[in-house]
Protein backbone atom coordinates (compact mmCIF):
# COMPACT_ATOMS: atom_id res chain seq x y z
CA GLU A 1 -59.67 -59.06 -19.70
CA GLU A 2 -57.87 -60.97 -17.01
CA GLU A 3 -60.60 -63.60 -17.09
CA GLU A 4 -60.22 -63.90 -20.83
CA GLN A 5 -56.54 -64.15 -20.37
CA GLU A 6 -57.01 -67.00 -17.80
CA GLU A 7 -59.37 -68.85 -20.29
CA GLU A 8 -56.84 -68.48 -23.06
CA GLU A 9 -54.06 -69.96 -20.68
CA GLU A 10 -56.28 -72.89 -19.83
CA GLU A 11 -56.73 -73.58 -23.58
CA ARG A 12 -53.07 -73.37 -24.23
CA THR A 13 -52.31 -75.90 -21.49
CA ALA A 14 -54.78 -78.34 -23.08
CA SER A 15 -52.75 -78.36 -26.23
CA PHE A 16 -49.24 -76.98 -25.59
CA ASP A 17 -46.52 -76.86 -28.20
CA PRO A 18 -43.33 -75.16 -26.79
CA LYS A 19 -42.01 -74.22 -30.27
CA SER A 20 -44.95 -72.10 -31.29
CA GLU A 21 -46.87 -71.19 -28.17
CA SER A 22 -44.03 -69.59 -26.46
CA THR A 23 -43.92 -66.53 -28.81
CA ALA A 24 -47.71 -66.36 -29.23
CA PHE A 25 -48.17 -66.24 -25.41
CA THR A 26 -45.78 -63.30 -25.09
CA ASN A 27 -47.40 -61.44 -27.94
CA THR A 28 -50.87 -61.96 -26.63
CA GLN A 29 -49.84 -60.64 -23.29
CA GLN A 30 -48.13 -57.63 -24.64
CA PHE A 31 -51.13 -56.87 -26.89
CA SER A 32 -53.61 -57.13 -23.89
CA GLU A 33 -51.52 -54.71 -21.90
CA GLU A 34 -51.30 -52.29 -24.79
CA LYS A 35 -55.11 -52.51 -25.37
CA ALA A 36 -55.77 -51.78 -21.76
CA VAL A 37 -53.53 -48.64 -21.90
CA VAL A 38 -55.11 -47.51 -25.17
CA HIS A 39 -58.73 -48.05 -23.56
CA PHE A 40 -57.63 -46.04 -20.51
CA LEU A 41 -56.41 -43.21 -22.77
CA ASP A 42 -59.50 -43.06 -24.70
CA GLU A 43 -61.69 -42.76 -21.49
CA GLU A 44 -59.69 -39.92 -20.20
CA ASP A 45 -60.89 -36.35 -20.99
CA ASP A 46 -58.80 -33.90 -23.00
CA ASP A 47 -58.61 -31.46 -20.21
CA GLN A 48 -56.99 -34.09 -17.92
CA CYS A 49 -54.33 -35.27 -20.54
CA THR A 50 -50.79 -34.83 -19.27
CA GLN A 51 -47.32 -35.24 -20.74
CA PRO A 52 -46.75 -38.73 -19.39
CA GLN A 53 -49.59 -40.08 -21.32
CA SER A 54 -47.96 -39.05 -24.58
CA CYS A 55 -44.78 -40.91 -23.43
CA ASP A 56 -46.98 -43.94 -22.79
CA LEU A 57 -48.27 -43.60 -26.49
CA MET A 58 -44.71 -43.70 -27.76
CA LYS A 59 -43.97 -46.80 -25.71
CA ILE A 60 -47.12 -48.45 -27.13
CA ILE A 61 -45.94 -47.60 -30.69
CA ASN A 62 -42.52 -49.03 -30.04
CA ARG A 63 -43.83 -52.30 -28.52
CA THR A 64 -46.46 -52.67 -31.46
CA VAL A 65 -43.75 -52.24 -34.14
CA SER A 66 -41.69 -54.77 -32.24
CA GLU A 67 -44.71 -57.15 -32.04
CA GLU A 68 -45.36 -56.82 -35.76
CA CYS A 69 -41.77 -57.70 -36.61
CA LEU A 70 -41.79 -60.65 -34.21
CA VAL A 71 -45.00 -61.98 -35.81
CA GLN A 72 -43.64 -61.53 -39.33
CA GLN A 73 -40.51 -63.55 -38.28
CA THR A 74 -42.70 -66.56 -37.11
CA SER A 75 -45.24 -66.35 -39.93
CA THR A 76 -43.97 -64.91 -43.07
CA PRO A 77 -41.03 -66.39 -45.11
CA ALA A 78 -39.71 -63.03 -46.42
CA PRO A 79 -39.76 -60.53 -43.50
CA LEU A 80 -39.13 -56.79 -44.01
CA THR A 81 -37.64 -56.05 -40.60
CA ASN A 82 -34.43 -54.65 -42.16
CA VAL A 83 -35.08 -52.34 -44.93
CA SER A 84 -31.49 -51.27 -45.31
CA SER A 85 -30.33 -54.88 -46.14
CA LEU A 86 -32.51 -54.97 -49.24
CA SER A 87 -30.92 -53.94 -52.58
CA ASP A 88 -32.14 -51.02 -54.59
CA MET A 89 -33.41 -53.40 -57.36
CA GLU A 90 -35.67 -55.15 -54.86
CA LEU A 91 -37.10 -51.91 -53.43
CA THR A 92 -37.89 -50.32 -56.67
CA THR A 93 -39.53 -53.39 -58.25
CA SER A 94 -41.97 -53.96 -55.48
CA ASP A 95 -44.74 -51.44 -55.02
CA HIS A 96 -46.14 -53.31 -51.94
CA PRO A 97 -43.26 -54.00 -49.55
CA ALA A 98 -45.50 -54.67 -46.63
CA THR A 99 -48.35 -57.16 -46.47
CA PRO A 100 -52.04 -56.28 -45.88
CA GLN A 101 -51.94 -58.29 -42.73
CA SER A 102 -49.57 -55.88 -41.11
CA PHE A 103 -52.21 -52.96 -41.60
CA GLU A 104 -54.94 -55.28 -40.03
CA MET A 105 -53.01 -56.28 -36.95
CA VAL A 106 -52.32 -52.68 -35.78
CA PRO A 107 -55.08 -51.90 -33.26
CA ALA A 108 -57.69 -49.21 -34.53
CA GLU A 109 -57.43 -47.28 -31.38
CA LEU A 110 -53.68 -46.79 -31.78
CA LEU A 111 -54.18 -45.55 -35.28
CA GLU A 112 -56.81 -43.08 -34.33
CA TYR A 113 -54.55 -41.74 -31.55
CA TYR A 114 -51.74 -41.42 -33.98
CA PHE A 115 -54.04 -39.65 -36.55
CA GLY A 116 -55.07 -37.27 -33.72
CA MET A 117 -51.45 -36.11 -33.11
CA ILE A 118 -51.84 -33.33 -35.64
CA ASP A 119 -55.12 -32.24 -34.00
CA GLN A 120 -54.50 -28.54 -32.97
CA VAL A 121 -56.72 -28.99 -29.77
CA LYS A 122 -54.58 -31.84 -28.67
CA VAL A 123 -51.39 -29.89 -29.56
CA GLN A 124 -52.46 -26.92 -27.43
CA GLN A 125 -53.61 -29.04 -24.59
CA VAL A 126 -51.31 -32.09 -24.45
CA ASP A 127 -47.91 -31.19 -25.98
CA GLY A 128 -46.68 -28.74 -28.57
CA GLU A 129 -44.17 -31.25 -29.82
CA LEU A 130 -46.77 -33.77 -31.01
CA PRO A 131 -46.57 -32.81 -34.70
CA PHE A 132 -42.93 -33.12 -34.67
CA LEU A 133 -42.99 -36.51 -33.09
CA CYS A 134 -45.58 -37.50 -35.72
CA ALA A 135 -43.27 -36.43 -38.49
CA TYR A 136 -40.30 -38.05 -37.00
CA SER A 137 -41.93 -41.43 -36.60
CA PHE A 138 -43.91 -41.25 -39.90
CA PRO A 139 -41.44 -43.46 -41.82
CA GLY A 140 -41.83 -46.11 -39.21
CA VAL A 141 -45.57 -46.05 -39.48
CA VAL A 142 -45.37 -46.27 -43.31
CA HIS A 143 -43.08 -49.26 -43.02
CA THR A 144 -45.46 -50.96 -40.49
CA LEU A 145 -48.68 -50.26 -42.42
CA GLY A 146 -47.32 -50.55 -45.81
CA ALA A 147 -48.74 -49.58 -49.06
CA ALA A 148 -52.20 -50.75 -48.01
CA GLY A 149 -52.31 -48.06 -45.27
CA TRP A 150 -51.13 -45.29 -47.50
CA PRO A 151 -54.59 -43.87 -48.26
CA GLN A 152 -55.19 -43.20 -44.54
CA LEU A 153 -51.67 -41.79 -44.17
CA LYS A 154 -51.52 -39.50 -47.18
CA PRO A 155 -53.63 -36.69 -45.41
CA ILE A 156 -51.24 -36.62 -42.57
CA PHE A 157 -48.35 -36.53 -45.08
CA ASP A 158 -49.79 -33.57 -46.72
CA HIS A 159 -50.56 -31.84 -43.49
CA LEU A 160 -47.18 -32.22 -42.23
CA SER A 161 -45.44 -31.28 -45.43
CA GLN A 162 -47.29 -27.96 -45.40
CA HIS A 163 -46.79 -27.29 -41.62
CA MET A 164 -45.83 -23.74 -40.74
CA HIS A 165 -42.89 -24.85 -38.55
CA TRP A 166 -39.82 -25.60 -40.50
CA LYS A 167 -38.58 -28.30 -37.95
CA ILE A 168 -41.57 -30.45 -38.78
CA ARG A 169 -40.97 -30.09 -42.58
CA ARG A 170 -37.29 -30.77 -42.09
CA ALA A 171 -37.89 -34.09 -40.21
CA LEU A 172 -40.20 -35.07 -43.10
CA ALA A 173 -37.54 -34.00 -45.71
CA PHE A 174 -34.86 -36.36 -44.23
CA SER A 175 -37.22 -39.25 -44.84
CA LEU A 176 -38.46 -38.82 -48.39
CA HIS A 177 -36.22 -41.37 -49.81
CA ASP A 178 -37.32 -43.90 -47.19
CA MET A 179 -40.94 -43.38 -48.05
CA ALA A 180 -40.13 -43.68 -51.76
CA ARG A 181 -38.53 -47.15 -51.11
CA LEU A 182 -41.51 -48.29 -49.12
CA LEU A 183 -44.25 -46.96 -51.34
CA GLY A 184 -42.69 -47.71 -54.84
CA SER A 185 -42.13 -45.70 -57.85
CA GLU A 186 -45.76 -45.15 -58.94
CA THR A 187 -46.90 -43.89 -55.56
CA THR A 188 -43.69 -41.80 -55.24
CA VAL A 189 -44.23 -40.07 -58.58
CA SER A 190 -47.89 -39.19 -57.67
CA ASP A 191 -47.69 -38.31 -53.94
CA VAL A 192 -43.97 -37.88 -52.86
CA LEU A 193 -42.41 -35.87 -55.70
CA PRO A 194 -44.88 -32.89 -55.50
CA VAL A 195 -43.62 -32.45 -51.82
CA PHE A 196 -40.12 -32.93 -53.07
CA GLU A 197 -40.56 -29.98 -55.41
CA ASP A 198 -42.10 -27.80 -52.61
CA PHE A 199 -39.06 -28.67 -50.36
CA LEU A 200 -36.61 -27.61 -53.07
CA LYS A 201 -37.99 -24.06 -52.67
CA ASP A 202 -38.02 -24.04 -48.84
CA VAL A 203 -35.50 -22.64 -46.38
CA GLU A 204 -32.16 -24.02 -46.25
CA ASP A 205 -32.64 -26.14 -43.11
CA VAL A 206 -35.34 -28.09 -45.02
CA ARG A 207 -33.42 -28.36 -48.29
CA ILE A 208 -30.47 -29.93 -46.50
CA GLY A 209 -32.69 -32.81 -45.65
CA VAL A 210 -33.60 -33.37 -49.20
CA LEU A 211 -29.95 -32.91 -50.29
CA SER A 212 -28.67 -35.52 -47.91
CA SER A 213 -30.51 -38.31 -49.57
CA LEU A 214 -30.94 -36.99 -53.09
CA SER A 215 -29.16 -39.74 -54.80
CA ASP A 216 -31.21 -42.47 -53.11
CA LEU A 217 -34.36 -40.77 -54.04
CA PHE A 218 -33.13 -40.34 -57.70
CA LYS A 219 -32.46 -44.12 -57.87
CA ILE A 220 -36.14 -44.93 -57.29
CA ILE A 221 -37.89 -42.38 -59.53
CA PRO A 222 -38.24 -43.09 -63.30
CA ASN A 223 -35.70 -41.94 -65.68
CA HIS A 224 -37.72 -39.20 -67.21
CA LYS A 225 -38.36 -37.53 -63.89
CA ARG A 226 -34.67 -38.02 -63.03
CA THR A 227 -33.71 -36.11 -66.04
CA GLU A 228 -36.30 -33.41 -65.40
CA TYR A 229 -35.08 -32.67 -61.86
CA LEU A 230 -31.32 -32.56 -62.87
CA PRO A 231 -31.32 -28.86 -63.84
CA LEU A 232 -32.84 -28.08 -60.56
CA VAL A 233 -29.84 -29.37 -58.60
CA ARG A 234 -27.91 -26.15 -59.40
CA ASP A 235 -30.35 -24.31 -57.30
CA PHE A 236 -28.82 -26.06 -54.23
CA LEU A 237 -25.59 -24.36 -55.03
CA GLU A 238 -26.89 -20.89 -55.86
CA ASP A 239 -29.53 -20.42 -53.22
CA HIS A 240 -27.77 -20.82 -49.94
CA ASN A 241 -25.55 -19.19 -47.31
CA GLU A 242 -22.00 -19.00 -48.43
CA ARG A 243 -20.71 -19.58 -45.04
CA ASN A 244 -22.39 -22.89 -44.78
CA TRP A 245 -19.65 -24.82 -46.52
CA ARG A 246 -20.91 -28.24 -45.28
CA TYR A 247 -24.00 -27.67 -47.39
CA ARG A 248 -21.87 -27.61 -50.51
CA LEU A 249 -19.77 -30.42 -49.24
CA LYS A 250 -22.97 -32.58 -49.03
CA LEU A 251 -23.87 -31.57 -52.55
CA ALA A 252 -20.52 -32.75 -53.96
CA GLU A 253 -20.87 -35.98 -52.27
CA GLN A 254 -24.30 -36.55 -53.62
CA LEU A 255 -23.20 -35.58 -57.14
CA SER A 256 -20.65 -38.26 -57.01
CA LEU A 257 -23.28 -40.94 -56.33
CA MET A 258 -25.59 -39.54 -59.04
CA CYS A 259 -23.19 -39.52 -61.94
CA HIS A 260 -23.85 -43.30 -62.72
CA LEU A 261 -27.52 -42.52 -63.20
CA TYR A 262 -27.17 -40.17 -66.13
CA GLN A 263 -25.73 -40.27 -69.71
CA PRO A 264 -22.65 -38.56 -70.62
CA ASP A 265 -24.26 -35.55 -72.37
CA LEU A 266 -26.32 -34.74 -69.23
CA ILE A 267 -23.23 -35.09 -67.01
CA THR A 268 -21.31 -32.66 -69.38
CA ASN A 269 -24.14 -30.02 -69.56
CA HIS A 270 -25.24 -30.15 -65.84
CA ILE A 271 -22.79 -32.05 -63.45
CA THR A 272 -19.47 -30.96 -64.74
CA PRO A 273 -20.02 -27.14 -64.46
CA LEU A 274 -21.09 -27.76 -60.77
CA ALA A 275 -17.92 -29.90 -60.18
CA LEU A 276 -15.76 -27.06 -61.49
CA ASP A 277 -17.34 -24.57 -59.41
CA LEU A 278 -17.02 -26.67 -56.31
CA ALA A 279 -13.36 -27.37 -57.27
CA SER A 280 -12.61 -23.65 -56.98
CA ASP A 281 -14.16 -23.23 -53.63
CA LYS A 282 -12.28 -21.47 -50.61
CA VAL A 283 -12.58 -24.44 -48.36
CA SER A 284 -9.92 -27.19 -48.67
CA ASP A 285 -12.13 -30.20 -47.70
CA LEU A 286 -14.74 -29.16 -50.28
CA ARG A 287 -12.05 -29.04 -53.02
CA THR A 288 -10.98 -32.49 -51.98
CA ALA A 289 -14.54 -33.69 -52.35
CA ALA A 290 -14.98 -31.95 -55.65
CA GLY A 291 -11.74 -33.62 -56.79
CA GLU A 292 -13.29 -37.02 -56.19
CA LEU A 293 -16.33 -35.91 -58.11
CA LEU A 294 -14.06 -34.86 -61.05
CA CYS A 295 -12.42 -38.38 -60.87
CA VAL A 296 -15.83 -40.13 -61.17
CA ILE A 297 -16.82 -37.82 -64.25
CA LEU A 298 -13.30 -38.48 -65.84
CA ALA A 299 -13.71 -42.24 -65.47
CA ILE A 300 -17.20 -42.34 -67.03
CA MET A 301 -16.13 -39.99 -69.82
CA GLU A 302 -13.02 -42.06 -70.73
CA GLU A 303 -15.21 -45.11 -70.89
CA LYS A 304 -18.10 -43.80 -72.92
CA VAL A 305 -16.98 -40.45 -74.62
CA HIS A 306 -13.12 -40.12 -75.04
CA GLU A 307 -13.19 -36.88 -76.72
CA SER A 308 -15.16 -35.27 -73.97
CA CYS A 309 -12.61 -36.53 -71.41
CA ILE A 310 -9.77 -34.90 -73.29
CA ASP A 311 -11.70 -31.57 -73.52
CA LEU A 312 -12.32 -31.69 -69.75
CA LEU A 313 -8.66 -32.36 -69.03
CA SER A 314 -7.77 -29.39 -71.20
CA VAL A 315 -10.12 -27.23 -69.19
CA LEU A 316 -8.56 -28.33 -65.98
CA LYS A 317 -5.10 -27.69 -67.22
CA ASP A 318 -6.17 -24.10 -68.27
CA GLU A 319 -8.27 -23.12 -65.47
CA PHE A 320 -6.17 -24.81 -62.59
CA ALA A 321 -2.73 -25.68 -63.52
CA ASN A 322 -2.05 -22.45 -65.16
CA SER A 323 -4.18 -20.29 -62.84
CA ALA A 324 -2.91 -17.22 -61.04
CA ARG A 325 -4.20 -18.43 -57.73
CA TRP A 326 -1.94 -20.81 -55.86
CA THR A 327 -4.92 -22.58 -54.20
CA LEU A 328 -6.11 -23.74 -57.83
CA ARG A 329 -2.62 -24.87 -58.75
CA LEU A 330 -2.55 -26.92 -55.57
CA MET A 331 -6.00 -28.28 -56.45
CA TYR A 332 -4.64 -29.58 -59.76
CA ILE A 333 -1.93 -31.37 -58.07
CA ASN A 334 -4.20 -33.10 -55.56
CA LEU A 335 -6.60 -33.99 -58.50
CA CYS A 336 -3.56 -35.75 -60.22
CA ASP A 337 -2.76 -37.51 -57.00
CA GLN A 338 -6.38 -38.68 -56.58
CA ILE A 339 -6.53 -39.73 -60.32
CA ILE A 340 -3.40 -41.92 -59.73
CA THR A 341 -4.68 -43.34 -56.43
CA LEU A 342 -8.25 -44.16 -57.74
CA GLY A 343 -7.25 -45.28 -61.19
CA SER A 344 -9.80 -42.95 -62.75
CA LEU A 345 -7.79 -42.59 -65.96
CA SER A 346 -5.66 -45.01 -67.98
CA TRP A 347 -1.87 -44.48 -67.52
CA ASP A 348 -1.35 -43.55 -71.14
CA LEU A 349 -4.01 -40.87 -70.99
CA PHE A 350 -2.63 -39.46 -67.74
CA LYS A 351 0.90 -39.47 -69.03
CA SER A 352 0.04 -37.51 -72.26
CA GLU A 353 -2.41 -35.01 -70.75
CA CYS A 354 -1.52 -34.43 -67.10
CA LEU A 355 2.01 -35.42 -66.17
CA SER A 356 3.87 -32.54 -68.00
CA SER A 357 1.75 -29.91 -66.22
CA LEU A 358 2.29 -31.71 -63.06
CA LEU A 359 6.11 -31.67 -63.34
CA HIS A 360 6.09 -28.04 -64.54
CA LEU A 361 4.81 -26.98 -61.14
CA HIS A 362 7.97 -28.20 -59.28
CA THR A 363 9.38 -24.62 -59.82
CA ASP A 364 6.37 -22.93 -58.54
CA GLY A 365 7.08 -19.91 -56.34
CA VAL A 366 4.76 -20.98 -53.45
CA PRO A 367 6.21 -23.59 -51.11
CA ASN A 368 2.90 -25.15 -50.52
CA VAL A 369 2.60 -25.94 -54.28
CA ARG A 370 6.12 -27.39 -54.33
CA ILE A 371 5.44 -29.52 -51.27
CA ALA A 372 2.37 -31.14 -52.98
CA VAL A 373 4.49 -31.69 -56.16
CA ALA A 374 7.23 -33.35 -54.09
CA ARG A 375 4.68 -35.54 -52.34
CA VAL A 376 3.24 -36.81 -55.74
CA THR A 377 6.44 -37.12 -57.70
CA LYS A 378 8.11 -39.02 -54.87
CA SER A 379 5.24 -41.60 -54.76
CA LEU A 380 5.41 -41.86 -58.73
CA LEU A 381 9.12 -43.12 -58.48
CA SER A 382 7.69 -46.41 -56.90
CA ASN A 383 4.97 -46.79 -59.56
CA SER A 384 5.39 -49.89 -61.73
CA LYS A 385 4.40 -47.85 -64.91
CA VAL A 386 7.06 -45.37 -64.20
CA LEU A 387 9.76 -47.98 -63.47
CA SER A 388 9.16 -49.51 -66.70
CA ASP A 389 9.70 -46.39 -68.68
CA SER A 390 13.47 -45.35 -68.22
CA SER A 391 13.14 -41.94 -69.92
CA LEU A 392 10.01 -41.01 -67.79
CA TYR A 393 11.75 -42.25 -64.68
CA GLU A 394 14.72 -40.01 -65.38
CA GLN A 395 12.53 -37.04 -65.89
CA ILE A 396 10.61 -37.54 -62.68
CA PHE A 397 13.86 -38.31 -60.83
CA LYS A 398 15.34 -35.02 -61.96
CA ALA A 399 12.33 -33.11 -60.61
CA VAL A 400 12.66 -35.05 -57.26
CA GLU A 401 16.35 -34.20 -57.03
CA LEU A 402 15.67 -30.41 -57.59
CA LEU A 403 13.00 -30.55 -54.93
CA GLN A 404 15.41 -32.32 -52.52
CA GLY A 405 17.76 -29.27 -52.88
CA ASP A 406 15.09 -26.70 -52.41
CA CYS A 407 15.69 -23.74 -50.29
CA ASP A 408 12.55 -24.46 -48.13
CA ASN A 409 13.11 -27.21 -45.43
CA ASP A 410 9.46 -28.49 -45.91
CA VAL A 411 9.97 -29.12 -49.56
CA ARG A 412 13.24 -30.88 -49.09
CA CYS A 413 11.79 -33.28 -46.52
CA SER A 414 8.59 -33.85 -48.60
CA ALA A 415 10.84 -34.99 -51.42
CA GLY A 416 12.76 -37.17 -49.22
CA GLY A 417 15.90 -35.00 -48.88
CA SER A 418 17.75 -33.89 -45.80
CA PRO A 419 17.04 -30.58 -44.11
CA LEU A 420 19.19 -27.45 -44.27
CA PRO A 421 22.15 -27.41 -41.66
CA ARG A 422 21.84 -25.11 -38.83
CA GLN A 423 24.64 -22.85 -39.74
CA HIS A 424 23.29 -22.22 -43.22
CA LYS A 425 19.92 -21.21 -41.82
CA LEU A 426 21.76 -18.72 -39.40
CA MET A 427 23.64 -17.26 -42.40
CA GLU A 428 20.31 -16.92 -44.36
CA SER A 429 18.81 -14.93 -41.25
CA GLU A 430 21.91 -12.65 -41.13
CA SER A 431 20.42 -10.11 -43.36
CA SER A 432 17.26 -9.66 -41.46
CA THR A 433 18.66 -10.01 -37.94
CA SER A 434 21.71 -8.65 -35.99
CA LEU A 435 25.25 -9.84 -36.49
CA GLU A 436 25.35 -11.58 -33.07
CA PRO A 437 24.08 -15.12 -34.06
CA TRP A 438 26.61 -15.21 -37.03
CA PHE A 439 29.52 -13.94 -34.70
CA GLN A 440 28.38 -16.43 -32.07
CA ALA A 441 28.27 -19.41 -34.64
CA ASP A 442 31.91 -18.58 -35.70
CA ILE A 443 33.35 -17.99 -32.35
CA ASP A 444 32.24 -21.37 -31.19
CA ASN A 445 35.11 -22.71 -33.32
CA VAL A 446 37.75 -20.85 -31.33
CA PRO A 447 39.46 -22.79 -28.44
CA GLU A 448 38.29 -21.86 -25.09
CA TYR A 449 40.68 -20.38 -22.48
CA ASN A 450 40.23 -19.07 -18.82
CA LEU A 451 42.06 -16.61 -16.73
CA VAL A 452 42.55 -17.70 -13.14
CA SER A 453 43.59 -14.99 -10.54
CA GLY A 454 45.68 -15.66 -7.47
CA GLY A 455 49.19 -16.22 -8.97
CA GLU A 456 48.20 -19.71 -10.15
CA GLU A 457 49.05 -20.99 -13.64
CA VAL A 458 46.57 -22.99 -15.64
CA PHE A 459 47.51 -24.97 -18.65
CA LEU A 460 44.59 -25.01 -21.16
CA SER A 461 46.48 -27.24 -23.66
CA ASP A 462 50.03 -28.53 -24.21
CA GLU A 463 51.02 -25.12 -25.84
CA GLN A 464 48.83 -22.75 -23.94
CA SER A 465 49.37 -21.29 -20.41
CA VAL A 466 47.79 -18.53 -18.46
CA THR A 467 49.43 -16.78 -15.42
CA SER A 468 48.13 -14.14 -13.34
CA SER A 469 49.51 -11.97 -10.38
CA ASN A 470 47.99 -11.54 -7.05
CA HIS A 471 46.80 -8.21 -8.04
CA GLY A 472 45.41 -9.42 -11.40
CA THR A 473 47.39 -6.66 -13.24
CA ASN A 474 49.99 -8.72 -15.19
CA VAL A 475 48.50 -11.42 -17.51
CA ASN A 476 50.84 -13.47 -19.52
CA HIS A 477 49.44 -16.02 -21.92
CA VAL A 478 51.06 -18.15 -24.60
CA VAL A 479 48.86 -18.95 -27.56
CA GLU A 480 49.64 -20.67 -30.79
CA PRO A 481 50.02 -18.19 -33.72
CA GLN A 482 47.17 -19.76 -35.70
CA GLU A 483 44.82 -19.55 -32.81
CA HIS A 484 45.85 -16.08 -31.96
CA SER A 485 45.39 -15.04 -35.55
CA ALA A 486 41.95 -16.54 -35.36
CA ILE A 487 41.00 -14.42 -32.37
CA GLU A 488 42.51 -11.27 -34.16
CA ILE A 489 40.43 -12.19 -37.26
CA LYS A 490 37.13 -12.32 -35.25
CA SER A 491 38.03 -9.05 -33.49
CA SER A 492 38.89 -7.39 -36.74
CA LEU A 493 35.73 -8.59 -38.16
CA TRP A 494 33.72 -7.31 -35.25
CA GLU A 495 35.54 -3.95 -35.44
CA GLY A 496 34.90 -3.73 -39.13
CA ASP A 497 31.14 -4.42 -38.49
CA HIS A 498 31.10 -1.83 -35.85
CA ALA A 499 32.83 0.78 -38.10
CA HIS A 500 30.22 -0.01 -40.80
CA THR A 501 27.54 0.52 -38.31
CA ASN A 502 28.96 3.89 -37.28
CA GLN A 503 29.12 4.93 -40.99
CA GLU A 504 25.52 4.03 -41.38
CA HIS A 505 24.63 6.10 -38.33
CA THR A 506 26.67 9.06 -39.78
CA HIS A 507 24.90 8.70 -43.10
CA HIS A 508 21.50 8.78 -41.34
CA ASN A 509 22.51 11.93 -39.36
CA GLN A 510 23.43 13.55 -42.56
CA GLU A 511 20.34 12.66 -44.07
CA HIS A 512 18.38 14.09 -41.23
CA THR A 513 20.36 17.31 -41.25
CA HIS A 514 19.49 17.56 -44.95
CA HIS A 515 15.83 17.18 -44.22
CA ASP A 516 16.03 19.78 -41.54
CA GLN A 517 17.60 22.30 -44.03
CA GLU A 518 14.77 21.59 -46.61
CA HIS A 519 12.25 22.14 -43.90
CA THR A 520 13.89 25.38 -42.90
CA HIS A 521 13.88 26.47 -46.65
CA HIS A 522 10.22 25.66 -46.97
CA ASP A 523 9.46 27.64 -43.78
CA GLN A 524 11.30 30.65 -45.32
CA GLU A 525 9.54 30.34 -48.55
CA HIS A 526 6.26 30.20 -46.65
CA THR A 527 7.13 33.27 -44.71
CA HIS A 528 8.02 35.16 -48.05
CA HIS A 529 4.47 34.14 -49.31
CA ASN A 530 2.82 35.54 -46.25
CA GLN A 531 4.74 38.82 -46.85
CA GLU A 532 3.60 39.03 -50.31
CA HIS A 533 -0.02 38.34 -49.21
CA THR A 534 0.27 40.99 -46.73
CA HIS A 535 1.60 43.45 -49.37
CA HIS A 536 -1.22 42.65 -51.58
CA ASP A 537 -3.59 43.20 -48.78
CA GLN A 538 -2.07 46.57 -48.19
CA GLU A 539 -2.46 47.63 -51.82
CA HIS A 540 -6.09 46.32 -51.80
CA THR A 541 -6.72 48.57 -48.83
CA HIS A 542 -5.08 51.65 -50.65
CA HIS A 543 -7.30 51.01 -53.65
CA ASP A 544 -10.29 50.84 -51.45
CA GLN A 545 -9.30 54.13 -49.81
CA GLU A 546 -8.85 55.70 -53.28
CA HIS A 547 -12.09 54.54 -54.32
CA THR A 548 -13.83 55.95 -51.25
CA HIS A 549 -11.97 59.23 -51.93
CA HIS A 550 -13.32 59.35 -55.50
CA ASN A 551 -16.89 58.55 -54.21
CA GLN A 552 -16.60 61.39 -51.91
CA GLU A 553 -15.53 63.73 -54.62
CA HIS A 554 -18.33 62.62 -56.83
CA THR A 555 -20.89 63.29 -53.99
CA HIS A 556 -19.38 66.64 -53.51
CA HIS A 557 -19.79 67.55 -57.24
CA ASN A 558 -23.26 66.28 -57.08
CA GLN A 559 -23.96 68.52 -54.11
CA GLU A 560 -22.58 71.57 -56.02
CA HIS A 561 -24.55 70.67 -59.02
CA THR A 562 -27.65 70.64 -57.06
C-alpha cells in the first residue's frame, strides 16, 4: 500500500493542480489508513478482540463520515451535510435525500463490521455496549448511506427495535423523526410507523423518546395517518407515572406544535380535552405550558370557527374562573395574561368574554389570586386599547385602587401601592401577641429623661430638671404637665391591661374550680352506681342460696318418697 501511495504521489506531481489535488490527496491518505486498520481488524481472531479495537471502529466511522461530507462539498452542488438547515417541505418532498454514490464510497469492510455489531457472539466477547452504540449511531449511518442503503439497514433497524434492553429501544425512539426525514414519507409509512406503533405501547422510558419529537414525525407522515394516530396521543397522558411531571410537560409542548396540522373539529374533539386536563395539573410550570397550548387553540378557533372559540371561553370561565380551587382561579388569570401578551384573541372578544371575570377576582379571598389580578390589571392601564376607552379605563383603575389599599402588603406592592406602615402592622399583631410591642411603640413618643446620682443636677430640656441627693433617696424632677400626663396615661393603660389580665386569670381559676366540682360529682355518682351493683350482687347471691335450699328440700322429699 505504501508503494501504491508513492506511485500515486508521483502521478500527482506530473499533473499538479493545487485547487483540486490538495483535498483529494488528504482524502486518499485518510482512506488508505482506514483501509489498513479495517484489514488489520478483519485478520484478528474473535478471541483476541479487545475494547480498544471497538474504539478504533468508532474513529473509523467518524473519519469516514467526515470524508464523505468533504467529498460531497467538492463534487456535488447540493450537499446534505446539515440536515437541520433544510426546511420540512424539502425533506418531505424528496424520498432520496442522499445520492447512490454515497453508498458506493463507504468501504464494504466497514459496513460488514457495522452489520456485525448486533452479532451475539461479538457482543459477548468484545463489548456488551455494541448494540447500544449501533442504535445510537444508526441515524448517522442512514444519513451517510441514504435511501439506496436502506434495504441493507432495515434488518438491523428491525432487530434493534425489538431488542430486549429498553436502553437500545430508547436510543432508537429518539431518532425516528430523523429517519423519517431521511427516508421520505413512503418508506416511513411502510417501515418506520410500525415501529412507532410498537414504541407507543412500550415502557415510559422508551415512549418519552417518541414523545419528544412527535410533532416532527407527524409533519412528515401523510394526512390520513396523522389523523389515525391522533386519538392515540391520549395514551401518553393516561399510561404514565403521575410523579413524572416533565413527561406531561413534554406532551403539552408537542401538542402546541401539532395544532396547526389538524382541522378545527379534530382539535376540538381530541386536543382541547387534553389541554383542559393539563391546565388543571398540580404543577405550576405544567399549567403555564398548558396555558400556551390553550392560547394556540383559541387563536385557531377564532380564525376558523368563531362559535367554537366562544364555547371554549365559556368552559374556561365555568371550570377555572368560578372554580372552588384557588389554583384554577389563578390559572385563569395567568391565561388571560398570556392571551394579552401573545395576542391570541382580538381585543373585542377578550373584552366581552374574559375581562369581566378577570376583574371580578380582585376581591378573591386568597392573596396569591389578588396578587396575580393586581399584576395583570396594572399592565392593562398602559394598554393602548384601554387608554382609548375611558369607561373601561375607569373600571380597571377602580379595581387597581382597591388593590393598592389591600390589607396584604404583597398585593399592595403588586398593584403599585405603598406598603403598610410599621405601626399599623404592629397594631394588627396586637391581638395575636402580647401587649409589649404596642406599649413599646407608644412609649417611643414620650420624651426621654435620666436620673443622675451624686447630687448633680441635669437639665433634660429648658423646662425639665432632675436632682438627686448623695444617698439617692430624694429625687426632685420638674416635668411639663402635658408630658407628665402622657406618662400617667401610659402607666394607667399598663395598669388597666394588668388588671384585665388578673381578671382573666381569676376567671380561668373559677372555671378550673367548676370543672373540679363536676369531676367530684361524677366520682360520687360513680361510687353510688358501684354500691347499687354491689347490692344487686348481694340480692343475686341471696336468690342463689334460696334456690339451693329449695333444691335440697326437693331432694329430701324425693328421698322420703323413695
